[in-house]
């Protein structure tokens, strides 16, 4: 099928592009290649598939309504996978305005494009960050998510609500995926798997926030890609059993769904550091620090809804996944 895929120079976007091209889809890719982190890494990701005969690349900011609308009209995609966003919880505290443009205005432009071109399904990236101050674990899509603790989380929750509005008003099938700490080869340099491996290999201290009292549901990139592709293939449908008197936060009378996509096996931060030490063969120098603003103590995904809907099953554990990541890192950076 013909798919408009945004964020194709990003970590998840590039991996999804490769998977879709491998199975025969035609991809129209979009990325602004902003300088939030190393642009050369983004270009290296793109270089893996940019010359593919079924891939066409566009470089611009989706917050530009005119250009986004023109691309939708020109490409006439059957489906859209929207992974472009301004990422980063901590960055949202120091650069809040970037999130209004990239995560709100751009998303609205994508929704409008889907409406005008009558796209058959929009799959988009949400985040586990929407669970904010929730302490009941595992996190379920049925839980209320009304207490975000970062602007990044608030914009991702806003995306879910915006999508619901378009699904309700215009019958556009939309599915949001709440990603849980994605890692693996070609990963993001601002995330702890990348930062820890880099600093441990270089013999520099790593910052261990909340004195190591953290849990994260680390999810390997291959598992994420499988979940995204499977979700794209099965458009959201209205829930015939939806009861507005007792609403389910993950379903609707509109063709709108929300799913967690994680590993379902949270790992203690100190155990995770041990795994990196084993994979690198080097001891970490730990700098214990208090909890950072906007951070949460634990993430833990209940993925049963996605498993039931599309057959999603995470397969790669942290030991295997981190070994693969360290191998890629050493090869890519010559260490």
Protein backbone atom coordinates (compact mmCIF):
# COMPACT_ATOMS: atom_id res chain seq x y z
CA UNK A 1 0.00 0.00 0.00
CA UNK A 2 1.00 3.66 -0.24
CA UNK A 3 1.91 5.02 3.18
CA UNK A 4 2.85 8.53 4.26
CA UNK A 5 5.40 8.02 7.05
CA UNK A 6 6.59 10.99 9.09
CA UNK A 7 9.80 11.12 11.10
CA UNK A 8 11.70 8.82 8.75
CA UNK A 9 15.09 10.11 9.91
CA UNK A 10 14.13 9.30 13.49
CA UNK A 11 14.99 6.17 15.43
CA UNK A 12 11.61 4.45 15.16
CA UNK A 13 10.62 6.04 11.86
CA UNK A 14 13.71 4.78 10.01
CA UNK A 15 13.22 1.25 11.32
CA UNK A 16 9.54 1.25 10.35
CA UNK A 17 10.42 2.55 6.88
CA UNK A 18 12.84 -0.33 6.33
CA UNK A 19 10.26 -2.90 7.43
CA UNK A 20 7.51 -1.51 5.20
CA UNK A 21 9.81 -1.27 2.17
CA UNK A 22 10.99 -4.84 2.76
CA UNK A 23 7.45 -6.15 2.49
CA UNK A 24 6.67 -4.17 -0.68
CA UNK A 25 4.91 -0.99 0.45
CA UNK A 26 5.45 2.39 -1.20
CA UNK A 27 6.66 5.04 1.28
CA UNK A 28 6.42 8.80 1.11
CA UNK A 29 8.74 9.95 3.90
CA UNK A 30 8.89 13.30 5.69
CA UNK A 31 11.40 14.63 8.21
CA UNK A 32 12.58 18.14 9.11
CA UNK A 33 16.02 16.87 10.25
CA UNK A 34 16.08 19.40 13.08
CA UNK A 35 19.16 19.70 15.28
CA UNK A 36 17.66 18.46 18.57
CA UNK A 37 20.40 15.83 18.39
CA UNK A 38 23.18 14.84 15.97
CA UNK A 39 21.89 15.42 12.43
CA UNK A 40 24.64 13.20 10.98
CA UNK A 41 23.08 10.21 12.79
CA UNK A 42 19.70 11.09 11.27
CA UNK A 43 21.24 11.29 7.79
CA UNK A 44 22.98 7.96 8.33
CA UNK A 45 19.63 6.37 9.17
CA UNK A 46 18.08 7.81 6.02
CA UNK A 47 21.00 6.58 3.91
CA UNK A 48 19.96 2.99 4.65
CA UNK A 49 16.88 3.28 2.41
CA UNK A 50 16.74 6.74 0.78
CA UNK A 51 17.76 5.34 -2.63
CA UNK A 52 15.10 2.61 -2.57
CA UNK A 53 12.89 2.80 -5.69
CA UNK A 54 9.72 2.75 -3.57
CA UNK A 55 10.83 5.54 -1.22
CA UNK A 56 10.41 9.29 -1.81
CA UNK A 57 11.76 11.74 0.73
CA UNK A 58 10.56 15.23 1.65
CA UNK A 59 12.44 17.49 4.05
CA UNK A 60 10.30 20.14 5.72
CA UNK A 61 8.52 20.96 8.98
CA UNK A 62 5.01 19.54 9.30
CA UNK A 63 4.04 22.64 11.29
CA UNK A 64 3.96 24.34 7.87
CA UNK A 65 0.27 23.89 7.06
CA UNK A 66 0.57 24.83 3.38
CA UNK A 67 3.38 22.40 2.61
CA UNK A 68 1.78 19.62 4.63
CA UNK A 69 -1.53 20.05 2.83
CA UNK A 70 0.22 20.09 -0.54
CA UNK A 71 2.09 16.87 0.27
CA UNK A 72 -1.14 15.10 1.21
CA UNK A 73 -2.75 16.18 -2.05
CA UNK A 74 0.28 15.17 -4.12
CA UNK A 75 0.94 11.84 -2.38
CA UNK A 76 -2.71 10.80 -1.85
CA UNK A 77 -1.67 8.17 0.74
CA UNK A 78 -3.90 5.27 1.65
CA UNK A 79 -2.62 5.29 5.22
CA UNK A 80 -0.49 7.52 7.44
CA UNK A 81 1.97 6.60 10.18
CA UNK A 82 2.85 9.76 12.10
CA UNK A 83 6.02 9.33 14.17
CA UNK A 84 7.52 12.82 13.80
CA UNK A 85 7.54 14.86 17.02
CA UNK A 86 9.68 16.95 19.30
CA UNK A 87 10.90 14.30 21.71
CA UNK A 88 12.33 14.59 25.20
CA UNK A 89 10.76 15.05 28.64
CA UNK A 90 13.58 17.17 30.07
CA UNK A 91 13.97 19.29 26.93
CA UNK A 92 10.28 20.23 27.20
CA UNK A 93 10.99 21.94 30.51
CA UNK A 94 13.64 24.23 29.03
CA UNK A 95 12.23 24.62 25.48
CA UNK A 96 8.43 24.51 25.84
CA UNK A 97 7.59 26.47 22.69
CA UNK A 98 9.18 23.81 20.47
CA UNK A 99 6.48 21.37 21.58
CA UNK A 100 3.60 23.62 20.60
CA UNK A 101 4.82 23.73 17.00
CA UNK A 102 6.10 20.18 16.54
CA UNK A 103 3.62 18.23 18.63
CA UNK A 104 0.41 20.26 18.40
CA UNK A 105 0.40 22.38 15.23
CA UNK A 106 2.06 19.69 13.14
CA UNK A 107 -0.31 17.02 14.42
CA UNK A 108 -3.31 19.17 13.59
CA UNK A 109 -1.96 19.61 10.06
CA UNK A 110 -1.62 15.84 9.72
CA UNK A 111 -5.18 15.33 10.95
CA UNK A 112 -6.43 17.88 8.43
CA UNK A 113 -4.52 16.12 5.65
CA UNK A 114 -6.09 12.81 6.65
CA UNK A 115 -9.54 14.40 6.62
CA UNK A 116 -9.16 16.09 3.26
CA UNK A 117 -7.69 13.00 1.57
CA UNK A 118 -10.01 10.54 3.33
CA UNK A 119 -7.11 8.46 4.61
CA UNK A 120 -8.15 4.93 5.59
CA UNK A 121 -6.15 4.85 8.85
CA UNK A 122 -3.88 7.12 10.88
CA UNK A 123 -1.46 5.42 13.28
CA UNK A 124 0.46 7.87 15.47
CA UNK A 125 3.01 7.94 18.27
CA UNK A 126 1.84 8.70 21.76
CA UNK A 127 3.97 8.00 24.84
CA UNK A 128 4.03 6.20 28.18
CA UNK A 129 4.72 9.67 29.60
CA UNK A 130 0.97 10.36 29.49
CA UNK A 131 0.58 8.22 32.62
CA UNK A 132 2.35 11.01 34.52
CA UNK A 133 1.81 10.76 38.26
CA UNK A 134 -0.05 7.42 38.10
CA UNK A 135 1.32 4.84 40.52
CA UNK A 136 -0.94 1.83 39.79
CA UNK A 137 1.01 -0.66 37.71
CA UNK A 138 1.02 -2.11 35.18
CA UNK A 139 -0.24 0.94 33.29
CA UNK A 140 -3.47 0.16 31.46
CA UNK A 141 -5.07 2.10 28.63
CA UNK A 142 -8.23 2.09 30.72
CA UNK A 143 -6.56 4.20 33.40
CA UNK A 144 -7.27 7.93 33.56
CA UNK A 145 -4.32 10.02 32.36
CA UNK A 146 -5.28 13.44 33.66
CA UNK A 147 -2.11 14.31 35.58
CA UNK A 148 0.86 14.77 33.23
CA UNK A 149 4.12 15.85 34.87
CA UNK A 150 5.84 17.30 31.78
CA UNK A 151 4.77 19.43 28.85
CA UNK A 152 5.93 16.67 26.51
CA UNK A 153 3.44 14.30 28.15
CA UNK A 154 0.69 16.92 27.95
CA UNK A 155 1.22 17.35 24.18
CA UNK A 156 1.08 13.60 23.63
CA UNK A 157 -2.17 13.36 25.58
CA UNK A 158 -3.47 16.29 23.55
CA UNK A 159 -2.69 14.32 20.37
CA UNK A 160 -4.87 11.47 21.61
CA UNK A 161 -7.77 13.84 22.27
CA UNK A 162 -7.33 15.66 18.96
CA UNK A 163 -7.36 12.33 17.14
CA UNK A 164 -10.55 11.33 18.92
CA UNK A 165 -12.24 14.52 17.81
CA UNK A 166 -11.41 13.82 14.15
CA UNK A 167 -12.46 10.20 14.49
CA UNK A 168 -15.77 11.30 15.99
CA UNK A 169 -16.50 14.16 13.59
CA UNK A 170 -15.18 12.69 10.33
CA UNK A 171 -15.10 8.90 10.94
CA UNK A 172 -11.32 8.81 10.36
CA UNK A 173 -9.90 5.62 11.94
CA UNK A 174 -7.06 6.65 14.28
CA UNK A 175 -4.86 4.56 16.57
CA UNK A 176 -2.42 5.95 19.12
CA UNK A 177 0.51 3.88 20.38
CA UNK A 178 1.98 4.69 23.78
CA UNK A 179 5.67 3.80 23.42
CA UNK A 180 7.60 2.59 26.46
CA UNK A 181 11.36 3.45 26.51
CA UNK A 182 12.42 2.25 23.07
CA UNK A 183 16.09 1.26 22.61
CA UNK A 184 18.33 -0.62 20.20
CA UNK A 185 20.70 -0.05 17.25
CA UNK A 186 20.45 3.45 15.72
CA UNK A 187 18.87 4.69 18.95
CA UNK A 188 18.47 8.27 20.16
CA UNK A 189 21.57 9.92 21.69
CA UNK A 190 19.45 11.76 24.29
CA UNK A 191 18.11 8.57 25.88
CA UNK A 192 19.72 6.70 28.75
CA UNK A 193 20.66 3.48 26.83
CA UNK A 194 22.77 5.55 24.41
CA UNK A 195 24.10 7.95 27.04
CA UNK A 196 25.08 5.20 29.47
CA UNK A 197 26.85 3.07 26.86
CA UNK A 198 28.72 6.10 25.51
CA UNK A 199 29.85 7.33 28.92
CA UNK A 200 30.76 3.90 30.29
CA UNK A 201 32.87 3.11 27.21
CA UNK A 202 34.59 6.49 27.53
CA UNK A 203 35.23 5.99 31.26
CA UNK A 204 33.08 8.96 32.24
CA UNK A 205 30.53 9.09 35.11
CA UNK A 206 26.87 8.37 34.42
CA UNK A 207 24.06 10.31 36.12
CA UNK A 208 21.82 7.94 38.08
CA UNK A 209 18.69 9.87 39.01
CA UNK A 210 16.54 9.19 42.07
CA UNK A 211 19.61 7.35 43.40
CA UNK A 212 18.81 4.43 41.11
CA UNK A 213 15.29 3.88 42.46
CA UNK A 214 13.73 3.67 38.99
CA UNK A 215 12.05 1.03 36.85
CA UNK A 216 11.67 1.21 33.09
CA UNK A 217 9.82 -0.98 30.64
CA UNK A 218 12.63 -1.09 28.05
CA UNK A 219 11.28 -2.13 24.64
CA UNK A 220 13.57 -3.31 21.84
CA UNK A 221 13.19 -1.58 18.48
CA UNK A 222 12.31 -4.75 16.52
CA UNK A 223 9.36 -5.41 18.83
CA UNK A 224 8.18 -1.82 18.42
CA UNK A 225 8.41 -2.01 14.62
CA UNK A 226 6.37 -5.19 14.52
CA UNK A 227 3.70 -3.57 16.67
CA UNK A 228 3.56 -0.42 14.53
CA UNK A 229 3.26 -2.38 11.27
CA UNK A 230 0.60 -4.71 12.65
CA UNK A 231 -1.38 -1.74 13.97
CA UNK A 232 -1.19 0.10 10.65
CA UNK A 233 -2.64 -2.96 8.95
CA UNK A 234 -5.74 -3.07 11.16
CA UNK A 235 -7.67 0.22 11.16
CA UNK A 236 -9.46 1.20 14.33
CA UNK A 237 -13.17 0.47 14.49
CA UNK A 238 -15.95 1.80 16.71
CA UNK A 239 -16.56 -0.27 19.82
CA UNK A 240 -20.14 -1.57 19.59
CA UNK A 241 -20.15 -2.19 23.35
CA UNK A 242 -19.00 1.33 24.27
CA UNK A 243 -21.15 2.72 27.09
CA UNK A 244 -21.01 6.53 27.48
CA UNK A 245 -22.51 6.19 30.94
CA UNK A 246 -19.43 4.18 31.94
CA UNK A 247 -16.76 5.26 29.43
CA UNK A 248 -13.65 3.17 28.78
CA UNK A 249 -10.66 5.51 28.33
CA UNK A 250 -9.15 3.29 25.62
CA UNK A 251 -12.21 2.85 23.37
CA UNK A 252 -14.96 4.90 21.79
CA UNK A 253 -18.12 4.86 19.72
CA UNK A 254 -15.83 6.48 17.11
CA UNK A 255 -13.17 4.51 15.17
CA UNK A 256 -10.47 5.43 17.69
CA UNK A 257 -8.16 3.27 19.78
CA UNK A 258 -5.25 3.70 22.18
CA UNK A 259 -2.71 0.96 22.88
CA UNK A 260 0.33 0.50 25.08
CA UNK A 261 3.33 -0.88 23.22
CA UNK A 262 6.03 -2.06 25.59
CA UNK A 263 7.95 -5.11 26.75
CA UNK A 264 5.79 -5.87 29.82
CA UNK A 265 8.95 -6.67 31.81
CA UNK A 266 10.12 -3.59 33.77
CA UNK A 267 13.80 -3.53 34.76
CA UNK A 268 15.33 -1.91 37.84
CA UNK A 269 17.69 0.89 36.83
CA UNK A 270 20.65 -0.58 38.73
CA UNK A 271 20.08 -4.00 37.10
CA UNK A 272 19.96 -2.28 33.72
CA UNK A 273 23.33 -0.64 34.43
CA UNK A 274 24.72 -4.07 35.39
CA UNK A 275 23.62 -5.43 32.00
CA UNK A 276 25.42 -2.58 30.22
CA UNK A 277 28.55 -3.28 32.28
CA UNK A 278 28.41 -6.94 31.24
CA UNK A 279 27.92 -6.05 27.55
CA UNK A 280 30.70 -3.43 27.48
CA UNK A 281 33.10 -5.24 29.83
CA UNK A 282 33.58 -1.99 31.74
CA UNK A 283 32.53 -0.80 35.19
CA UNK A 284 30.21 2.19 35.43
CA UNK A 285 31.19 5.21 37.49
CA UNK A 286 27.87 6.19 39.07
CA UNK A 287 26.96 9.73 40.11
CA UNK A 288 23.87 9.37 42.31
CA UNK A 289 21.42 12.27 41.95
CA UNK A 290 17.88 13.15 43.10
CA UNK A 291 14.79 12.78 40.92
CA UNK A 292 14.66 15.19 37.99
CA UNK A 293 11.71 17.49 37.33
CA UNK A 294 9.22 15.90 34.94
CA UNK A 295 10.54 12.38 35.53
CA UNK A 296 8.52 9.42 36.82
CA UNK A 297 9.66 6.63 39.12
CA UNK A 298 8.42 3.64 37.16
CA UNK A 299 6.90 2.61 33.83
CA UNK A 300 5.29 -0.78 33.29
CA UNK A 301 3.10 -1.56 30.28
CA UNK A 302 0.07 -3.79 30.17
CA UNK A 303 0.13 -4.81 26.48
CA UNK A 304 -2.73 -7.30 26.60
CA UNK A 305 -5.03 -5.05 24.55
CA UNK A 306 -2.53 -4.77 21.69
CA UNK A 307 -1.84 -8.49 21.88
CA UNK A 308 -5.55 -9.22 21.55
CA UNK A 309 -6.12 -6.69 18.75
CA UNK A 310 -3.13 -7.39 16.47
CA UNK A 311 -1.24 -10.35 17.95
CA UNK A 312 1.60 -8.22 19.38
CA UNK A 313 4.15 -10.18 21.44
CA UNK A 314 7.42 -8.59 22.61
CA UNK A 315 10.27 -11.09 22.24
CA UNK A 316 13.60 -9.40 23.00
CA UNK A 317 14.72 -9.14 26.63
CA UNK A 318 17.06 -6.47 27.99
CA UNK A 319 20.14 -8.74 28.00
CA UNK A 320 19.84 -9.69 24.33
CA UNK A 321 18.71 -6.24 23.24
CA UNK A 322 21.51 -4.39 25.03
CA UNK A 323 24.12 -6.77 23.63
CA UNK A 324 22.89 -5.93 20.12
CA UNK A 325 22.89 -2.21 20.87
CA UNK A 326 26.42 -2.21 22.28
CA UNK A 327 27.61 -4.15 19.23
CA UNK A 328 26.02 -1.59 16.91
CA UNK A 329 27.41 1.34 18.92
CA UNK A 330 30.96 0.01 18.81
CA UNK A 331 30.72 -0.61 15.08
CA UNK A 332 29.12 2.72 14.19
CA UNK A 333 31.41 4.84 16.35
CA UNK A 334 34.56 2.76 15.93
CA UNK A 335 34.83 1.68 19.57
